[in-house]
Amino acid sequence: MVTSIAFEPPLRIIVVEDYTSLREQLVIHLQTDGHSVQGADSGVELDELLEESAEPDILILDLNLPLEDGNSIANRMRHRFPNIGIIMHTVRVSTSEKVKGYSHGADMYVSKPASPPEISAAVLSLGRRLRPITQSDWLLDLQKKLLISPSNQRISLLLAELLTLHHLTLAPNMMMTSEQLLELLKSVHPEWGKVNLEVHFSRFRKKLMTFLKNEPVIKSVRGVGYQLCLRLKVKE
């Protein structure tokens, strides 16, 4: 299965939910995923946000909203932004409700109460459709332990290198602390400390630079750890 992990630029998302604590929880969680996220408590506040910001990529809509319900908002947004992605986040998930929602422009339904990771997965799935990965992307093949370039150059990876790339790709902002990386690599190199980690990244950068020339791959973040600069898609 191939999945895209990161989007450049970040997906622009608006969460329309009148339950304040839930709205704030989703906004913070999706921001942690690396997206650009705003919250609105109604269709009125959504319209106000849209007067001041760029077209969103995805709306996450509650159905039971004050003054104007989610179906009406979805219908308006679909006509205003034909390419927008719309996720209905609601307790109303009967077949008849879904049919009605899809007819008003919804793309996907997520049943309340949904966990933040489930919302993340829905956003990721819809985001892939909105921004399909192009042939210019690099591929990380987990089964074959390969990093494959757009021109089909194949770089064989050691297990520590594979784990490093995969987990940096999954991490918020593609960045992990040194402590997190050492814990991750403990199964391969239990004796490693920070000096060993520095050597690992130095050698890994040199290995990748043979193929990537002057493109940045992994950078050190002073006082924090390491950040992946190469956008990847992952084949599991």
C-alpha atoms as a PDB file:
ATOM      1  CA  MET A   1       0.000   0.000   0.000  1.00  0.00           C
ATOM      2  CA  VAL A   2       1.349   3.428  -0.927  1.00  0.00           C
ATOM      3  CA  THR A   3       0.582   6.396   1.285  1.00  0.00           C
ATOM      4  CA  SER A   4       1.652  10.049   1.130  1.00  0.00           C
ATOM      5  CA  ILE A   5       2.774  11.300   4.517  1.00  0.00           C
ATOM      6  CA  ALA A   6       3.544  14.982   4.151  1.00  0.00           C
ATOM      7  CA  PHE A   7       2.082  17.759   2.019  1.00  0.00           C
ATOM      8  CA  GLU A   8       4.008  20.761   0.703  1.00  0.00           C
ATOM      9  CA  PRO A   9       2.663  23.327   1.204  1.00  0.00           C
ATOM     10  CA  PRO A  10       0.677  22.088   4.238  1.00  0.00           C
ATOM     11  CA  LEU A  11      -3.004  21.338   3.769  1.00  0.00           C
ATOM     12  CA  ARG A  12      -5.238  24.268   4.723  1.00  0.00           C
ATOM     13  CA  ILE A  13      -8.029  22.958   6.960  1.00  0.00           C
ATOM     14  CA  ILE A  14     -10.982  24.602   8.704  1.00  0.00           C
ATOM     15  CA  VAL A  15     -12.788  22.737  11.479  1.00  0.00           C
ATOM     16  CA  VAL A  16     -16.408  23.913  11.832  1.00  0.00           C
ATOM     17  CA  GLU A  17     -17.649  22.656  15.195  1.00  0.00           C
ATOM     18  CA  ASP A  18     -19.718  24.496  17.825  1.00  0.00           C
ATOM     19  CA  TYR A  19     -18.500  22.334  20.724  1.00  0.00           C
ATOM     20  CA  THR A  20     -15.522  24.443  21.824  1.00  0.00           C
ATOM     21  CA  SER A  21     -13.344  21.828  23.505  1.00  0.00           C
ATOM     22  CA  LEU A  22     -13.722  19.364  20.621  1.00  0.00           C
ATOM     23  CA  ARG A  23     -12.991  22.052  18.034  1.00  0.00           C
ATOM     24  CA  GLU A  24      -9.855  23.156  19.875  1.00  0.00           C
ATOM     25  CA  GLN A  25      -8.698  19.561  20.329  1.00  0.00           C
ATOM     26  CA  LEU A  26      -9.009  18.832  16.607  1.00  0.00           C
ATOM     27  CA  VAL A  27      -7.329  22.095  15.596  1.00  0.00           C
ATOM     28  CA  ILE A  28      -4.333  21.435  17.854  1.00  0.00           C
ATOM     29  CA  HIS A  29      -4.052  17.795  16.803  1.00  0.00           C
ATOM     30  CA  LEU A  30      -4.127  18.576  13.080  1.00  0.00           C
ATOM     31  CA  GLN A  31      -1.620  21.406  13.541  1.00  0.00           C
ATOM     32  CA  THR A  32       0.665  18.868  15.216  1.00  0.00           C
ATOM     33  CA  ASP A  33       0.320  16.754  12.054  1.00  0.00           C
ATOM     34  CA  GLY A  34       1.834  19.697  10.163  1.00  0.00           C
ATOM     35  CA  HIS A  35      -1.305  21.190   8.599  1.00  0.00           C
ATOM     36  CA  SER A  36      -2.428  24.824   8.613  1.00  0.00           C
ATOM     37  CA  VAL A  37      -5.649  24.720  10.653  1.00  0.00           C
ATOM     38  CA  GLN A  38      -8.313  27.178  11.824  1.00  0.00           C
ATOM     39  CA  GLY A  39     -11.515  26.670  13.771  1.00  0.00           C
ATOM     40  CA  ALA A  40     -15.003  28.158  13.395  1.00  0.00           C
ATOM     41  CA  ASP A  41     -18.105  27.632  15.529  1.00  0.00           C
ATOM     42  CA  SER A  42     -20.682  28.287  12.791  1.00  0.00           C
ATOM     43  CA  GLY A  43     -21.253  29.043   9.124  1.00  0.00           C
ATOM     44  CA  VAL A  44     -21.116  32.740   9.975  1.00  0.00           C
ATOM     45  CA  GLU A  45     -17.664  32.478  11.514  1.00  0.00           C
ATOM     46  CA  LEU A  46     -16.542  30.286   8.620  1.00  0.00           C
ATOM     47  CA  ASP A  47     -17.564  32.992   6.157  1.00  0.00           C
ATOM     48  CA  GLU A  48     -15.623  35.552   8.197  1.00  0.00           C
ATOM     49  CA  LEU A  49     -12.500  33.391   8.079  1.00  0.00           C
ATOM     50  CA  LEU A  50     -12.828  32.956   4.335  1.00  0.00           C
ATOM     51  CA  GLU A  51     -12.875  36.718   3.860  1.00  0.00           C
ATOM     52  CA  GLU A  52      -9.416  36.898   5.437  1.00  0.00           C
ATOM     53  CA  SER A  53      -7.695  33.677   4.348  1.00  0.00           C
ATOM     54  CA  ALA A  54      -6.939  31.598   1.275  1.00  0.00           C
ATOM     55  CA  GLU A  55      -9.238  28.902  -0.052  1.00  0.00           C
ATOM     56  CA  PRO A  56      -9.128  25.875   2.257  1.00  0.00           C
ATOM     57  CA  ASP A  57      -8.207  22.426   1.015  1.00  0.00           C
ATOM     58  CA  ILE A  58     -10.451  20.599   3.490  1.00  0.00           C
ATOM     59  CA  LEU A  59     -13.456  21.445   5.670  1.00  0.00           C
ATOM     60  CA  ILE A  60     -14.314  19.258   8.647  1.00  0.00           C
ATOM     61  CA  LEU A  61     -18.003  19.929   9.304  1.00  0.00           C
ATOM     62  CA  ASP A  62     -20.360  19.091  12.122  1.00  0.00           C
ATOM     63  CA  LEU A  63     -23.952  18.692  10.970  1.00  0.00           C
ATOM     64  CA  ASN A  64     -25.731  20.073  14.045  1.00  0.00           C
ATOM     65  CA  LEU A  65     -24.622  23.682  13.952  1.00  0.00           C
ATOM     66  CA  PRO A  66     -26.453  26.830  15.072  1.00  0.00           C
ATOM     67  CA  LEU A  67     -28.339  28.907  12.458  1.00  0.00           C
ATOM     68  CA  GLU A  68     -27.145  26.882   9.451  1.00  0.00           C
ATOM     69  CA  ASP A  69     -26.570  23.127   9.424  1.00  0.00           C
ATOM     70  CA  GLY A  70     -23.620  21.303   7.938  1.00  0.00           C
ATOM     71  CA  ASN A  71     -25.431  20.173   4.809  1.00  0.00           C
ATOM     72  CA  SER A  72     -26.299  23.739   3.881  1.00  0.00           C
ATOM     73  CA  ILE A  73     -22.720  24.870   4.521  1.00  0.00           C
ATOM     74  CA  ALA A  74     -21.341  21.956   2.487  1.00  0.00           C
ATOM     75  CA  ASN A  75     -23.629  22.860  -0.407  1.00  0.00           C
ATOM     76  CA  ARG A  76     -22.501  26.507  -0.358  1.00  0.00           C
ATOM     77  CA  MET A  77     -18.808  25.618  -0.079  1.00  0.00           C
ATOM     78  CA  ARG A  78     -19.008  23.046  -2.867  1.00  0.00           C
ATOM     79  CA  HIS A  79     -20.429  25.677  -5.226  1.00  0.00           C
ATOM     80  CA  ARG A  80     -17.929  28.292  -4.099  1.00  0.00           C
ATOM     81  CA  PHE A  81     -14.873  25.987  -4.105  1.00  0.00           C
ATOM     82  CA  PRO A  82     -15.520  23.059  -6.488  1.00  0.00           C
ATOM     83  CA  ASN A  83     -12.255  21.302  -5.610  1.00  0.00           C
ATOM     84  CA  ILE A  84     -12.565  21.500  -1.823  1.00  0.00           C
ATOM     85  CA  GLY A  85     -12.578  18.347   0.310  1.00  0.00           C
ATOM     86  CA  ILE A  86     -15.436  18.040   2.808  1.00  0.00           C
ATOM     87  CA  ILE A  87     -15.438  15.639   5.770  1.00  0.00           C
ATOM     88  CA  MET A  88     -18.658  15.331   7.776  1.00  0.00           C
ATOM     89  CA  HIS A  89     -17.884  14.672  11.451  1.00  0.00           C
ATOM     90  CA  THR A  90     -21.213  13.822  13.025  1.00  0.00           C
ATOM     91  CA  VAL A  91     -23.337  11.381  15.016  1.00  0.00           C
ATOM     92  CA  ARG A  92     -25.844  11.400  12.141  1.00  0.00           C
ATOM     93  CA  VAL A  93     -24.412   8.595  10.009  1.00  0.00           C
ATOM     94  CA  SER A  94     -27.490   6.654   8.918  1.00  0.00           C
ATOM     95  CA  THR A  95     -27.691   5.704   5.242  1.00  0.00           C
ATOM     96  CA  SER A  96     -30.315   8.357   4.561  1.00  0.00           C
ATOM     97  CA  GLU A  97     -28.207  11.060   6.258  1.00  0.00           C
ATOM     98  CA  LYS A  98     -25.124  10.059   4.269  1.00  0.00           C
ATOM     99  CA  VAL A  99     -27.016  10.060   0.980  1.00  0.00           C
ATOM    100  CA  LYS A 100     -28.331  13.518   1.793  1.00  0.00           C
ATOM    101  CA  GLY A 101     -24.859  14.744   2.750  1.00  0.00           C
ATOM    102  CA  TYR A 102     -23.211  13.374  -0.362  1.00  0.00           C
ATOM    103  CA  SER A 103     -25.853  15.088  -2.486  1.00  0.00           C
ATOM    104  CA  HIS A 104     -24.904  18.368  -0.776  1.00  0.00           C
ATOM    105  CA  GLY A 105     -21.200  17.950  -1.563  1.00  0.00           C
ATOM    106  CA  ALA A 106     -19.693  15.826   1.234  1.00  0.00           C
ATOM    107  CA  ASP A 107     -16.748  13.582   0.330  1.00  0.00           C
ATOM    108  CA  MET A 108     -16.467  11.505   3.482  1.00  0.00           C
ATOM    109  CA  TYR A 109     -18.209  10.722   6.762  1.00  0.00           C
ATOM    110  CA  VAL A 110     -16.483  10.171  10.116  1.00  0.00           C
ATOM    111  CA  SER A 111     -18.714   9.096  12.969  1.00  0.00           C
ATOM    112  CA  LYS A 112     -18.609  10.937  16.284  1.00  0.00           C
ATOM    113  CA  PRO A 113     -16.950  10.472  18.630  1.00  0.00           C
ATOM    114  CA  ALA A 114     -13.881   9.936  16.452  1.00  0.00           C
ATOM    115  CA  SER A 115     -10.407   9.823  17.926  1.00  0.00           C
ATOM    116  CA  PRO A 116      -7.900  12.430  16.673  1.00  0.00           C
ATOM    117  CA  PRO A 117      -5.840   9.723  14.888  1.00  0.00           C
ATOM    118  CA  GLU A 118      -8.981   8.677  12.981  1.00  0.00           C
ATOM    119  CA  ILE A 119      -9.510  12.276  11.906  1.00  0.00           C
ATOM    120  CA  SER A 120      -5.842  12.415  10.839  1.00  0.00           C
ATOM    121  CA  ALA A 121      -6.301   9.278   8.750  1.00  0.00           C
ATOM    122  CA  ALA A 122      -9.396  10.724   7.063  1.00  0.00           C
ATOM    123  CA  VAL A 123      -7.551  13.956   6.282  1.00  0.00           C
ATOM    124  CA  LEU A 124      -4.595  11.984   4.911  1.00  0.00           C
ATOM    125  CA  SER A 125      -6.852   9.877   2.694  1.00  0.00           C
ATOM    126  CA  LEU A 126      -8.749  12.852   1.325  1.00  0.00           C
ATOM    127  CA  GLY A 127      -5.553  14.881   0.990  1.00  0.00           C
ATOM    128  CA  ARG A 128      -4.061  12.214  -1.264  1.00  0.00           C
ATOM    129  CA  ARG A 129      -7.007  12.616  -3.606  1.00  0.00           C
ATOM    130  CA  LEU A 130      -6.759  16.384  -3.552  1.00  0.00           C
ATOM    131  CA  ARG A 131      -3.024  16.418  -4.119  1.00  0.00           C
ATOM    132  CA  PRO A 132      -2.022  13.182  -5.843  1.00  0.00           C
ATOM    133  CA  ILE A 133       1.645  12.337  -5.622  1.00  0.00           C
ATOM    134  CA  THR A 134       3.537  13.065  -8.814  1.00  0.00           C
ATOM    135  CA  GLN A 135       6.364  11.205 -10.478  1.00  0.00           C
ATOM    136  CA  SER A 136       8.815  13.705  -8.985  1.00  0.00           C
ATOM    137  CA  ASP A 137       8.427  12.145  -5.550  1.00  0.00           C
ATOM    138  CA  TRP A 138      10.901   9.790  -3.932  1.00  0.00           C
ATOM    139  CA  LEU A 139       9.662   6.388  -2.783  1.00  0.00           C
ATOM    140  CA  LEU A 140      10.644   4.600   0.430  1.00  0.00           C
ATOM    141  CA  ASP A 141      10.029   0.863  -0.040  1.00  0.00           C
ATOM    142  CA  LEU A 142       9.881  -0.659   3.435  1.00  0.00           C
ATOM    143  CA  GLN A 143       9.763  -4.292   2.353  1.00  0.00           C
ATOM    144  CA  LYS A 144      12.732  -4.091  -0.020  1.00  0.00           C
ATOM    145  CA  LYS A 145      14.668  -1.603   2.169  1.00  0.00           C
ATOM    146  CA  LEU A 146      15.110   0.743  -0.777  1.00  0.00           C
ATOM    147  CA  LEU A 147      14.967   4.479  -1.369  1.00  0.00           C
ATOM    148  CA  ILE A 148      13.980   4.968  -5.003  1.00  0.00           C
ATOM    149  CA  SER A 149      14.523   8.219  -6.895  1.00  0.00           C
ATOM    150  CA  PRO A 150      12.116   9.722  -9.466  1.00  0.00           C
ATOM    151  CA  SER A 151      14.512   8.464 -12.171  1.00  0.00           C
ATOM    152  CA  ASN A 152      14.400   4.967 -10.602  1.00  0.00           C
ATOM    153  CA  GLN A 153      17.839   5.067  -8.971  1.00  0.00           C
ATOM    154  CA  ARG A 154      17.795   2.588  -6.082  1.00  0.00           C
ATOM    155  CA  ILE A 155      19.599   3.144  -2.808  1.00  0.00           C
ATOM    156  CA  SER A 156      19.903   0.093  -0.558  1.00  0.00           C
ATOM    157  CA  LEU A 157      19.322   0.965   3.083  1.00  0.00           C
ATOM    158  CA  LEU A 158      20.628  -0.552   6.280  1.00  0.00           C
ATOM    159  CA  LEU A 159      17.971  -1.278   8.882  1.00  0.00           C
ATOM    160  CA  ALA A 160      18.965   1.743  10.994  1.00  0.00           C
ATOM    161  CA  GLU A 161      18.778   3.962   7.907  1.00  0.00           C
ATOM    162  CA  LEU A 162      15.379   2.578   6.935  1.00  0.00           C
ATOM    163  CA  LEU A 163      13.976   3.103  10.443  1.00  0.00           C
ATOM    164  CA  THR A 164      15.388   6.625  10.552  1.00  0.00           C
ATOM    165  CA  LEU A 165      13.789   7.695   7.254  1.00  0.00           C
ATOM    166  CA  HIS A 166      10.451   6.022   7.929  1.00  0.00           C
ATOM    167  CA  HIS A 167       9.974   7.479  11.393  1.00  0.00           C
ATOM    168  CA  LEU A 168      11.167  10.948  10.417  1.00  0.00           C
ATOM    169  CA  THR A 169       8.616  10.859   7.594  1.00  0.00           C
ATOM    170  CA  LEU A 170       5.849  10.053  10.091  1.00  0.00           C
ATOM    171  CA  ALA A 171       6.934  12.570  12.739  1.00  0.00           C
ATOM    172  CA  PRO A 172       5.298  16.011  13.134  1.00  0.00           C
ATOM    173  CA  ASN A 173       7.178  18.430  10.862  1.00  0.00           C
ATOM    174  CA  MET A 174       9.367  15.412   9.981  1.00  0.00           C
ATOM    175  CA  MET A 175      11.511  16.129  13.043  1.00  0.00           C
ATOM    176  CA  MET A 176      12.559  13.955  16.012  1.00  0.00           C
ATOM    177  CA  THR A 177      14.676  14.618  19.073  1.00  0.00           C
ATOM    178  CA  SER A 178      17.979  12.809  19.578  1.00  0.00           C
ATOM    179  CA  GLU A 179      16.439  10.953  22.515  1.00  0.00           C
ATOM    180  CA  GLN A 180      13.518   9.745  20.372  1.00  0.00           C
ATOM    181  CA  LEU A 181      15.872   8.547  17.656  1.00  0.00           C
ATOM    182  CA  LEU A 182      18.125   6.706  20.105  1.00  0.00           C
ATOM    183  CA  GLU A 183      15.080   4.975  21.580  1.00  0.00           C
ATOM    184  CA  LEU A 184      13.924   4.057  18.070  1.00  0.00           C
ATOM    185  CA  LEU A 185      17.306   2.613  17.101  1.00  0.00           C
ATOM    186  CA  LYS A 186      17.841   0.773  20.391  1.00  0.00           C
ATOM    187  CA  SER A 187      16.544  -2.449  18.814  1.00  0.00           C
ATOM    188  CA  VAL A 188      19.349  -2.296  16.228  1.00  0.00           C
ATOM    189  CA  HIS A 189      22.150  -0.608  18.200  1.00  0.00           C
ATOM    190  CA  PRO A 190      21.406  -0.790  21.944  1.00  0.00           C
ATOM    191  CA  GLU A 191      24.861   0.565  22.817  1.00  0.00           C
ATOM    192  CA  TRP A 192      24.517   3.823  20.873  1.00  0.00           C
ATOM    193  CA  GLY A 193      24.713   7.277  22.466  1.00  0.00           C
ATOM    194  CA  LYS A 194      24.519  10.774  20.988  1.00  0.00           C
ATOM    195  CA  VAL A 195      28.017  10.610  19.502  1.00  0.00           C
ATOM    196  CA  ASN A 196      27.106   7.405  17.651  1.00  0.00           C
ATOM    197  CA  LEU A 197      23.917   9.082  16.427  1.00  0.00           C
ATOM    198  CA  GLU A 198      25.935  12.005  15.030  1.00  0.00           C
ATOM    199  CA  VAL A 199      28.225   9.581  13.193  1.00  0.00           C
ATOM    200  CA  HIS A 200      25.178   7.689  11.871  1.00  0.00           C
ATOM    201  CA  PHE A 201      23.665  10.845  10.380  1.00  0.00           C
ATOM    202  CA  SER A 202      26.986  12.071   8.999  1.00  0.00           C
ATOM    203  CA  ARG A 203      27.553   8.806   7.132  1.00  0.00           C
ATOM    204  CA  PHE A 204      23.916   8.589   6.048  1.00  0.00           C
ATOM    205  CA  ARG A 205      23.980  12.121   4.613  1.00  0.00           C
ATOM    206  CA  LYS A 206      27.117  11.326   2.607  1.00  0.00           C
ATOM    207  CA  LYS A 207      25.497   8.162   1.273  1.00  0.00           C
ATOM    208  CA  LEU A 208      22.366  10.021   0.162  1.00  0.00           C
ATOM    209  CA  MET A 209      24.245  13.020  -1.218  1.00  0.00           C
ATOM    210  CA  THR A 210      25.859  10.756  -3.818  1.00  0.00           C
ATOM    211  CA  PHE A 211      22.411  10.542  -5.404  1.00  0.00           C
ATOM    212  CA  LEU A 212      20.892  13.866  -4.336  1.00  0.00           C
ATOM    213  CA  LYS A 213      23.855  16.140  -5.170  1.00  0.00           C
ATOM    214  CA  ASN A 214      23.290  19.464  -3.400  1.00  0.00           C
ATOM    215  CA  GLU A 215      19.705  18.895  -2.230  1.00  0.00           C
ATOM    216  CA  PRO A 216      19.299  18.996   1.572  1.00  0.00           C
ATOM    217  CA  VAL A 217      18.317  15.615   2.985  1.00  0.00           C
ATOM    218  CA  ILE A 218      18.529  15.566   6.774  1.00  0.00           C
ATOM    219  CA  LYS A 219      19.499  18.603   8.815  1.00  0.00           C
ATOM    220  CA  SER A 220      20.557  18.954  12.430  1.00  0.00           C
ATOM    221  CA  VAL A 221      18.277  21.128  14.556  1.00  0.00           C
ATOM    222  CA  ARG A 222      20.466  22.591  17.264  1.00  0.00           C
ATOM    223  CA  GLY A 223      19.410  21.614  20.762  1.00  0.00           C
ATOM    224  CA  VAL A 224      16.610  19.396  19.434  1.00  0.00           C
ATOM    225  CA  GLY A 225      17.574  16.627  17.031  1.00  0.00           C
ATOM    226  CA  TYR A 226      17.184  15.994  13.316  1.00  0.00           C
ATOM    227  CA  GLN A 227      14.716  16.953  10.585  1.00  0.00           C
ATOM    228  CA  LEU A 228      14.059  15.270   7.245  1.00  0.00           C
ATOM    229  CA  CYS A 229      14.055  17.717   4.321  1.00  0.00           C
ATOM    230  CA  LEU A 230      13.226  15.211   1.587  1.00  0.00           C
ATOM    231  CA  ARG A 231       9.535  14.655   0.851  1.00  0.00           C
ATOM    232  CA  LEU A 232       8.772  10.966   0.504  1.00  0.00           C
ATOM    233  CA  LYS A 233       5.936   8.630  -0.259  1.00  0.00           C
ATOM    234  CA  VAL A 234       6.020   5.305   1.548  1.00  0.00           C
ATOM    235  CA  LYS A 235       5.348   1.830   0.218  1.00  0.00           C
ATOM    236  CA  GLU A 236       4.550  -0.604   3.010  1.00  0.00           C
END
